[in-house]
PDB file of N, CA and C in Angstrom:
ATOM      1  N   MET A   1     106.032  93.949  86.070  1.00  0.00           N
ATOM      2  CA  MET A   1     105.004  94.222  85.003  1.00  0.00           C
ATOM      3  C   MET A   1     106.005  95.821  84.148  1.00  0.00           C
ATOM      4  N   THR A   2     105.693  95.591  82.958  1.00  0.00           N
ATOM      5  CA  THR A   2     106.075  96.579  82.317  1.00  0.00           C
ATOM      6  C   THR A   2     105.202  97.471  82.118  1.00  0.00           C
ATOM      7  N   GLY A   3     105.467  98.810  81.720  1.00  0.00           N
ATOM      8  CA  GLY A   3     104.715  99.939  81.609  1.00  0.00           C
ATOM      9  C   GLY A   3     103.825  99.842  80.825  1.00  0.00           C
ATOM     10  N   ASP A   4     103.851  99.184  79.287  1.00  0.00           N
ATOM     11  CA  ASP A   4     102.569  98.548  78.449  1.00  0.00           C
ATOM     12  C   ASP A   4     101.728  97.820  79.332  1.00  0.00           C
ATOM     13  N   LEU A   5     101.924  96.696  80.007  1.00  0.00           N
ATOM     14  CA  LEU A   5     101.338  95.688  80.769  1.00  0.00           C
ATOM     15  C   LEU A   5     100.274  96.747  81.508  1.00  0.00           C
ATOM     16  N   TRP A   6     100.820  97.362  82.525  1.00  0.00           N
ATOM     17  CA  TRP A   6     100.320  98.099  83.506  1.00  0.00           C
ATOM     18  C   TRP A   6      99.289  99.063  82.524  1.00  0.00           C
ATOM     19  N   GLU A   7      99.417  99.724  81.528  1.00  0.00           N
ATOM     20  CA  GLU A   7      98.768 100.130  80.358  1.00  0.00           C
ATOM     21  C   GLU A   7      97.280  99.583  79.988  1.00  0.00           C
ATOM     22  N   ALA A   8      97.585  98.522  79.379  1.00  0.00           N
ATOM     23  CA  ALA A   8      96.836  97.542  79.008  1.00  0.00           C
ATOM     24  C   ALA A   8      95.596  97.126  80.172  1.00  0.00           C
ATOM     25  N   GLN A   9      96.016  96.707  81.077  1.00  0.00           N
ATOM     26  CA  GLN A   9      95.444  96.370  82.608  1.00  0.00           C
ATOM     27  C   GLN A   9      94.502  97.686  83.040  1.00  0.00           C
ATOM     28  N   LEU A  10      94.743  98.877  82.803  1.00  0.00           N
ATOM     29  CA  LEU A  10      94.150 100.309  82.989  1.00  0.00           C
ATOM     30  C   LEU A  10      93.103 100.077  82.060  1.00  0.00           C
ATOM     31  N   GLN A  11      93.668 100.386  81.035  1.00  0.00           N
ATOM     32  CA  GLN A  11      92.500 100.464  79.923  1.00  0.00           C
ATOM     33  C   GLN A  11      91.266  99.405  80.486  1.00  0.00           C
ATOM     34  N   GLU A  12      91.641  98.320  80.493  1.00  0.00           N
ATOM     35  CA  GLU A  12      90.604  96.970  80.672  1.00  0.00           C
ATOM     36  C   GLU A  12      89.687  97.434  82.133  1.00  0.00           C
ATOM     37  N   VAL A  13      90.015  98.067  82.958  1.00  0.00           N
ATOM     38  CA  VAL A  13      89.405  98.294  84.348  1.00  0.00           C
ATOM     39  C   VAL A  13      88.580  99.818  83.657  1.00  0.00           C
ATOM     40  N   ARG A  14      89.268 100.731  82.921  1.00  0.00           N
ATOM     41  CA  ARG A  14      88.052 101.463  82.540  1.00  0.00           C
ATOM     42  C   ARG A  14      87.286 100.832  81.748  1.00  0.00           C
ATOM     43  N   ARG A  15      87.398 100.064  80.938  1.00  0.00           N
ATOM     44  CA  ARG A  15      86.122  99.915  79.641  1.00  0.00           C
ATOM     45  C   ARG A  15      85.253  98.806  80.760  1.00  0.00           C
ATOM     46  N   LYS A  16      85.872  97.833  81.838  1.00  0.00           N
ATOM     47  CA  LYS A  16      84.636  97.420  82.541  1.00  0.00           C
ATOM     48  C   LYS A  16      83.939  98.311  83.475  1.00  0.00           C
ATOM     49  N   VAL A  17      84.543  99.070  84.056  1.00  0.00           N
ATOM     50  CA  VAL A  17      83.655 100.318  84.771  1.00  0.00           C
ATOM     51  C   VAL A  17      82.940 101.392  83.646  1.00  0.00           C
ATOM     52  N   GLY A  18      83.327 101.335  82.725  1.00  0.00           N
ATOM     53  CA  GLY A  18      82.537 102.099  81.468  1.00  0.00           C
ATOM     54  C   GLY A  18      81.017 101.252  81.185  1.00  0.00           C
ATOM     55  N   ARG A  19      81.575 100.180  81.054  1.00  0.00           N
ATOM     56  CA  ARG A  19      80.158  99.045  80.457  1.00  0.00           C
ATOM     57  C   ARG A  19      79.363  99.421  81.474  1.00  0.00           C
ATOM     58  N   THR A  20      79.642  98.803  82.938  1.00  0.00           N
ATOM     59  CA  THR A  20      79.179  98.539  84.095  1.00  0.00           C
ATOM     60  C   THR A  20      78.192  99.475  84.368  1.00  0.00           C
ATOM     61  N   LEU A  21      78.931 100.788  84.879  1.00  0.00           N
ATOM     62  CA  LEU A  21      78.374 102.014  85.650  1.00  0.00           C
ATOM     63  C   LEU A  21      78.209 103.280  84.523  1.00  0.00           C
ATOM     64  N   GLY A  22      78.644 102.777  83.367  1.00  0.00           N
ATOM     65  CA  GLY A  22      78.098 104.164  81.979  1.00  0.00           C
ATOM     66  C   GLY A  22      78.732 105.441  82.648  1.00  0.00           C
ATOM     67  N   TYR A  23      80.318 105.279  82.770  1.00  0.00           N
ATOM     68  CA  TYR A  23      81.264 106.570  82.332  1.00  0.00           C
ATOM     69  C   TYR A  23      82.647 106.159  82.532  1.00  0.00           C
ATOM     70  N   GLU A  24      83.408 106.870  81.686  1.00  0.00           N
ATOM     71  CA  GLU A  24      84.672 106.308  82.108  1.00  0.00           C
ATOM     72  C   GLU A  24      85.794 107.374  83.293  1.00  0.00           C
ATOM     73  N   PRO A  25      85.747 106.231  84.066  1.00  0.00           N
ATOM     74  CA  PRO A  25      86.628 107.186  85.360  1.00  0.00           C
ATOM     75  C   PRO A  25      88.176 107.519  84.710  1.00  0.00           C
ATOM     76  N   GLY A  26      88.551 108.428  85.754  1.00  0.00           N
ATOM     77  CA  GLY A  26      89.816 108.973  85.630  1.00  0.00           C
ATOM     78  C   GLY A  26      90.451 107.817  86.712  1.00  0.00           C
ATOM     79  N   LEU A  27      91.927 107.733  86.260  1.00  0.00           N
ATOM     80  CA  LEU A  27      92.144 106.279  87.567  1.00  0.00           C
ATOM     81  C   LEU A  27      93.546 106.736  87.748  1.00  0.00           C
ATOM     82  N   VAL A  28      94.335 106.559  89.123  1.00  0.00           N
ATOM     83  CA  VAL A  28      95.605 106.562  89.335  1.00  0.00           C
ATOM     84  C   VAL A  28      95.936 105.725  89.612  1.00  0.00           C
ATOM     85  N   LEU A  29      97.680 105.359  89.210  1.00  0.00           N
ATOM     86  CA  LEU A  29      98.246 104.430  89.411  1.00  0.00           C
ATOM     87  C   LEU A  29      99.394 104.132  90.144  1.00  0.00           C
ATOM     88  N   GLU A  30      99.660 103.708  91.270  1.00  0.00           N
ATOM     89  CA  GLU A  30     100.960 103.809  91.812  1.00  0.00           C
ATOM     90  C   GLU A  30     101.722 102.842  91.627  1.00  0.00           C
ATOM     91  N   LEU A  31     102.960 103.296  90.525  1.00  0.00           N
ATOM     92  CA  LEU A  31     103.795 102.084  90.543  1.00  0.00           C
ATOM     93  C   LEU A  31     105.121 101.865  91.748  1.00  0.00           C
ATOM     94  N   PRO A  32     105.613 100.697  91.882  1.00  0.00           N
ATOM     95  CA  PRO A  32     105.889  99.660  91.047  1.00  0.00           C
ATOM     96  C   PRO A  32     104.361  98.281  91.404  1.00  0.00           C
ATOM     97  N   PHE A  33     103.962  98.776  92.789  1.00  0.00           N
ATOM     98  CA  PHE A  33     102.901  97.946  93.052  1.00  0.00           C
ATOM     99  C   PHE A  33     101.432  97.746  92.250  1.00  0.00           C
ATOM    100  N   GLY A  34     101.365  98.236  91.315  1.00  0.00           N
ATOM    101  CA  GLY A  34     100.279  98.104  90.784  1.00  0.00           C
ATOM    102  C   GLY A  34      98.726  98.739  91.424  1.00  0.00           C
ATOM    103  N   ALA A  35      99.027  99.603  92.503  1.00  0.00           N
ATOM    104  CA  ALA A  35      97.850  99.928  93.498  1.00  0.00           C
ATOM    105  C   ALA A  35      97.179 100.621  92.354  1.00  0.00           C
ATOM    106  N   VAL A  36      95.562 100.435  92.425  1.00  0.00           N
ATOM    107  CA  VAL A  36      94.865 101.460  91.484  1.00  0.00           C
ATOM    108  C   VAL A  36      93.665 102.543  92.415  1.00  0.00           C
ATOM    109  N   GLU A  37      92.998 103.801  92.013  1.00  0.00           N
ATOM    110  CA  GLU A  37      92.100 104.022  92.332  1.00  0.00           C
ATOM    111  C   GLU A  37      91.548 104.814  91.602  1.00  0.00           C
ATOM    112  N   LEU A  38      90.126 105.041  91.838  1.00  0.00           N
ATOM    113  CA  LEU A  38      89.241 105.492  91.000  1.00  0.00           C
ATOM    114  C   LEU A  38      88.211 106.211  91.855  1.00  0.00           C
ATOM    115  N   ARG A  39      87.778 107.324  90.965  1.00  0.00           N
ATOM    116  CA  ARG A  39      86.681 108.096  92.107  1.00  0.00           C
ATOM    117  C   ARG A  39      85.269 107.868  91.486  1.00  0.00           C
ATOM    118  N   LEU A  40      84.234 107.326  92.242  1.00  0.00           N
ATOM    119  CA  LEU A  40      83.080 107.228  91.690  1.00  0.00           C
ATOM    120  C   LEU A  40      82.220 108.443  91.715  1.00  0.00           C
ATOM    121  N   PRO A  41      81.156 108.569  90.671  1.00  0.00           N
ATOM    122  CA  PRO A  41      80.477 109.584  90.709  1.00  0.00           C
ATOM    123  C   PRO A  41      79.789 109.887  92.030  1.00  0.00           C
ATOM    124  N   GLY A  42      79.312 111.222  92.115  1.00  0.00           N
ATOM    125  CA  GLY A  42      78.508 111.677  93.387  1.00  0.00           C
ATOM    126  C   GLY A  42      78.996 111.796  94.206  1.00  0.00           C
ATOM    127  N   GLY A  43      79.718 111.835  95.006  1.00  0.00           N
ATOM    128  CA  GLY A  43      80.508 111.425  96.436  1.00  0.00           C
ATOM    129  C   GLY A  43      81.644 111.222  96.734  1.00  0.00           C
ATOM    130  N   ARG A  44      82.247 110.986  97.683  1.00  0.00           N
ATOM    131  CA  ARG A  44      83.476 110.675  97.990  1.00  0.00           C
ATOM    132  C   ARG A  44      83.771 108.916  97.875  1.00  0.00           C
ATOM    133  N   ARG A  45      83.153 108.343  97.640  1.00  0.00           N
ATOM    134  CA  ARG A  45      83.275 106.731  97.403  1.00  0.00           C
ATOM    135  C   ARG A  45      84.576 106.698  96.250  1.00  0.00           C
ATOM    136  N   ARG A  46      85.137 105.710  96.776  1.00  0.00           N
ATOM    137  CA  ARG A  46      86.408 105.687  95.481  1.00  0.00           C
ATOM    138  C   ARG A  46      86.421 103.865  95.642  1.00  0.00           C
ATOM    139  N   LEU A  47      86.562 103.423  94.064  1.00  0.00           N
ATOM    140  CA  LEU A  47      87.237 101.904  94.000  1.00  0.00           C
ATOM    141  C   LEU A  47      88.567 101.515  94.375  1.00  0.00           C
ATOM    142  N   ARG A  48      89.416 101.183  95.006  1.00  0.00           N
ATOM    143  CA  ARG A  48      90.833 101.143  95.240  1.00  0.00           C
ATOM    144  C   ARG A  48      91.333  99.814  95.121  1.00  0.00           C
ATOM    145  N   GLY A  49      91.913  99.063  94.217  1.00  0.00           N
ATOM    146  CA  GLY A  49      92.263  97.724  94.084  1.00  0.00           C
ATOM    147  C   GLY A  49      93.842  97.981  93.465  1.00  0.00           C
ATOM    148  N   CYS A  50      94.211  96.591  93.096  1.00  0.00           N
ATOM    149  CA  CYS A  50      95.701  96.277  93.100  1.00  0.00           C
ATOM    150  C   CYS A  50      95.799  95.207  91.364  1.00  0.00           C
ATOM    151  N   LEU A  51      96.029  96.292  90.346  1.00  0.00           N
ATOM    152  CA  LEU A  51      96.076  94.857  89.581  1.00  0.00           C
ATOM    153  C   LEU A  51      97.096  93.678  89.687  1.00  0.00           C
ATOM    154  N   ARG A  52      98.016  93.553  90.431  1.00  0.00           N
ATOM    155  CA  ARG A  52      98.706  92.446  90.486  1.00  0.00           C
ATOM    156  C   ARG A  52      97.796  91.320  91.182  1.00  0.00           C
ATOM    157  N   THR A  53      96.776  91.556  92.088  1.00  0.00           N
ATOM    158  CA  THR A  53      96.059  90.500  92.785  1.00  0.00           C
ATOM    159  C   THR A  53      94.683  90.339  92.151  1.00  0.00           C
ATOM    160  N   GLY A  54      94.124  91.408  91.650  1.00  0.00           N
ATOM    161  CA  GLY A  54      93.231  91.658  90.924  1.00  0.00           C
ATOM    162  C   GLY A  54      91.701  91.842  91.741  1.00  0.00           C
ATOM    163  N   LEU A  55      92.186  92.340  92.837  1.00  0.00           N
ATOM    164  CA  LEU A  55      91.164  92.404  94.279  1.00  0.00           C
ATOM    165  C   LEU A  55      91.054  93.811  94.487  1.00  0.00           C
ATOM    166  N   TRP A  56      89.509  94.532  95.116  1.00  0.00           N
ATOM    167  CA  TRP A  56      89.150  95.945  94.800  1.00  0.00           C
ATOM    168  C   TRP A  56      88.074  95.706  96.033  1.00  0.00           C
ATOM    169  N   ARG A  57      88.234  97.136  96.612  1.00  0.00           N
ATOM    170  CA  ARG A  57      87.189  96.927  97.466  1.00  0.00           C
ATOM    171  C   ARG A  57      86.689  98.592  97.592  1.00  0.00           C
ATOM    172  N   VAL A  58      85.593  98.668  98.286  1.00  0.00           N
ATOM    173  CA  VAL A  58      84.947 100.486  97.886  1.00  0.00           C
ATOM    174  C   VAL A  58      85.471 101.000  99.382  1.00  0.00           C
ATOM    175  N   VAL A  59      85.706 102.327  98.960  1.00  0.00           N
ATOM    176  CA  VAL A  59      86.441 103.043 100.135  1.00  0.00           C
ATOM    177  C   VAL A  59      85.717 104.418 100.411  1.00  0.00           C
ATOM    178  N   GLU A  60      85.467 104.984 101.375  1.00  0.00           N
ATOM    179  CA  GLU A  60      84.662 106.195 101.682  1.00  0.00           C
ATOM    180  C   GLU A  60      85.770 106.902 102.821  1.00  0.00           C
ATOM    181  N   SER A  61      86.353 108.274 102.658  1.00  0.00           N
ATOM    182  CA  SER A  61      86.706 108.589 103.600  1.00  0.00           C
ATOM    183  C   SER A  61      87.955 107.620 104.167  1.00  0.00           C
ATOM    184  N   GLU A  62      88.512 106.910 103.713  1.00  0.00           N
ATOM    185  CA  GLU A  62      89.786 106.097 104.001  1.00  0.00           C
ATOM    186  C   GLU A  62      89.024 104.718 104.757  1.00  0.00           C
ATOM    187  N   VAL A  63      87.903 104.622 104.704  1.00  0.00           N
ATOM    188  CA  VAL A  63      87.225 103.654 105.750  1.00  0.00           C
ATOM    189  C   VAL A  63      86.545 102.489 104.600  1.00  0.00           C
ATOM    190  N   ALA A  64      87.137 101.317 104.537  1.00  0.00           N
ATOM    191  CA  ALA A  64      86.591 100.135 103.511  1.00  0.00           C
ATOM    192  C   ALA A  64      85.096 100.104 103.875  1.00  0.00           C
ATOM    193  N   LEU A  65      84.282 100.335 102.862  1.00  0.00           N
ATOM    194  CA  LEU A  65      82.822  99.672 102.845  1.00  0.00           C
ATOM    195  C   LEU A  65      82.870  98.323 102.376  1.00  0.00           C
ATOM    196  N   THR A  66      83.863  97.758 101.814  1.00  0.00           N
ATOM    197  CA  THR A  66      83.467  96.437 101.479  1.00  0.00           C
ATOM    198  C   THR A  66      84.585  95.315 101.701  1.00  0.00           C
ATOM    199  N   GLU A  67      84.478  94.236 101.606  1.00  0.00           N
ATOM    200  CA  GLU A  67      85.839  93.114 101.864  1.00  0.00           C
ATOM    201  C   GLU A  67      86.296  93.248 100.529  1.00  0.00           C
ATOM    202  N   GLU A  68      87.500  92.880 100.301  1.00  0.00           N
ATOM    203  CA  GLU A  68      88.220  92.877  99.034  1.00  0.00           C
ATOM    204  C   GLU A  68      87.459  91.479  97.811  1.00  0.00           C
ATOM    205  N   ALA A  69      87.814  92.288  96.754  1.00  0.00           N
ATOM    206  CA  ALA A  69      86.886  91.252  95.628  1.00  0.00           C
ATOM    207  C   ALA A  69      87.026  91.480  94.488  1.00  0.00           C
ATOM    208  N   PRO A  70      87.122  90.579  93.463  1.00  0.00           N
ATOM    209  CA  PRO A  70      87.393  91.034  92.336  1.00  0.00           C
ATOM    210  C   PRO A  70      86.544  91.871  91.930  1.00  0.00           C
ATOM    211  N   LEU A  71      87.009  92.912  90.510  1.00  0.00           N
ATOM    212  CA  LEU A  71      85.965  93.849  90.506  1.00  0.00           C
ATOM    213  C   LEU A  71      85.170  93.537  89.933  1.00  0.00           C
ATOM    214  N   GLU A  72      84.637  92.454  88.835  1.00  0.00           N
ATOM    215  CA  GLU A  72      83.609  92.444  88.775  1.00  0.00           C
ATOM    216  C   GLU A  72      82.421  92.418  89.379  1.00  0.00           C
ATOM    217  N   VAL A  73      82.825  91.695  90.728  1.00  0.00           N
ATOM    218  CA  VAL A  73      81.611  91.369  91.782  1.00  0.00           C
ATOM    219  C   VAL A  73      80.927  92.709  92.414  1.00  0.00           C
ATOM    220  N   LEU A  74      82.407  93.863  92.548  1.00  0.00           N
ATOM    221  CA  LEU A  74      81.904  94.938  93.090  1.00  0.00           C
ATOM    222  C   LEU A  74      81.324  96.145  91.891  1.00  0.00           C
ATOM    223  N   LEU A  75      81.511  95.791  90.812  1.00  0.00           N
ATOM    224  CA  LEU A  75      80.957  96.779  89.924  1.00  0.00           C
ATOM    225  C   LEU A  75      79.400  96.126  89.614  1.00  0.00           C
ATOM    226  N   GLU A  76      79.025  95.009  89.666  1.00  0.00           N
ATOM    227  CA  GLU A  76      77.725  94.211  89.792  1.00  0.00           C
ATOM    228  C   GLU A  76      77.095  94.932  90.997  1.00  0.00           C
ATOM    229  N   ARG A  77      77.548  95.080  92.146  1.00  0.00           N
ATOM    230  CA  ARG A  77      77.252  95.576  93.446  1.00  0.00           C
ATOM    231  C   ARG A  77      76.770  96.994  93.250  1.00  0.00           C
ATOM    232  N   LEU A  78      77.594  97.708  92.623  1.00  0.00           N
ATOM    233  CA  LEU A  78      77.562  99.218  92.700  1.00  0.00           C
ATOM    234  C   LEU A  78      76.898  99.488  91.565  1.00  0.00           C
ATOM    235  N   ALA A  79      76.509  98.425  90.292  1.00  0.00           N
ATOM    236  CA  ALA A  79      75.271  98.680  89.270  1.00  0.00           C
ATOM    237  C   ALA A  79      73.715  98.465  90.070  1.00  0.00           C
ATOM    238  N   GLY A  80      74.021  97.337  91.241  1.00  0.00           N
ATOM    239  CA  GLY A  80      72.619  97.316  91.874  1.00  0.00           C
ATOM    240  C   GLY A  80      71.975  98.293  92.994  1.00  0.00           C
ATOM    241  N   VAL A  81      73.047  98.858  93.278  1.00  0.00           N
ATOM    242  CA  VAL A  81      72.974 100.309  94.311  1.00  0.00           C
ATOM    243  C   VAL A  81      71.674 100.983  93.252  1.00  0.00           C
ATOM    244  N   GLY A  82      71.908 101.430  92.322  1.00  0.00           N
ATOM    245  CA  GLY A  82      70.762 102.234  91.734  1.00  0.00           C
ATOM    246  C   GLY A  82      69.635 101.478  91.344  1.00  0.00           C
ATOM    247  N   GLN A  83      69.642 100.261  91.890  1.00  0.00           N
ATOM    248  CA  GLN A  83      68.271  99.537  91.662  1.00  0.00           C
ATOM    249  C   GLN A  83      67.572  99.281  92.738  1.00  0.00           C
ATOM    250  N   GLY A  84      68.164  99.902  93.988  1.00  0.00           N
ATOM    251  CA  GLY A  84      67.722  99.457  95.409  1.00  0.00           C
ATOM    252  C   GLY A  84      68.317  98.473  96.391  1.00  0.00           C
ATOM    253  N   ARG A  85      69.208  98.212  95.637  1.00  0.00           N
ATOM    254  CA  ARG A  85      70.280  96.771  96.299  1.00  0.00           C
ATOM    255  C   ARG A  85      71.532  97.901  97.080  1.00  0.00           C
ATOM    256  N   GLY A  86      72.145  97.371  98.069  1.00  0.00           N
ATOM    257  CA  GLY A  86      73.154  97.988  99.112  1.00  0.00           C
ATOM    258  C   GLY A  86      74.470  97.425  98.474  1.00  0.00           C
ATOM    259  N   VAL A  87      75.742  98.375  98.743  1.00  0.00           N
ATOM    260  CA  VAL A  87      76.628  97.807  98.059  1.00  0.00           C
ATOM    261  C   VAL A  87      77.356  97.016  98.436  1.00  0.00           C
ATOM    262  N   HIS A  88      76.975  96.736  99.976  1.00  0.00           N
ATOM    263  CA  HIS A  88      77.534  95.738 100.530  1.00  0.00           C
ATOM    264  C   HIS A  88      77.099  93.894 100.138  1.00  0.00           C
ATOM    265  N   GLY A  89      76.069  93.996  99.160  1.00  0.00           N
ATOM    266  CA  GLY A  89      75.714  92.760  98.610  1.00  0.00           C
ATOM    267  C   GLY A  89      74.204  92.501  99.025  1.00  0.00           C
TER     268      GLY A  89
END
């Protein structure tokens, strides 16, 4: 993938997180594999994913808290946490 394509995908992730969780995250991209990590507000939890596969997971202290899933699914679960539902679905 080209640098411009990576950047476009990163911007799309930033927009999705912003729309769902209400904040614009800082993202860390590891090239050439497309691994992305972003910190979630209020703690040590992070979203870690891969732009190539489109699969993400929630991690805390290097321990996976969720199975891999599309970003939209995890964002929906994270948004539900504030409404009394758990991150695990």
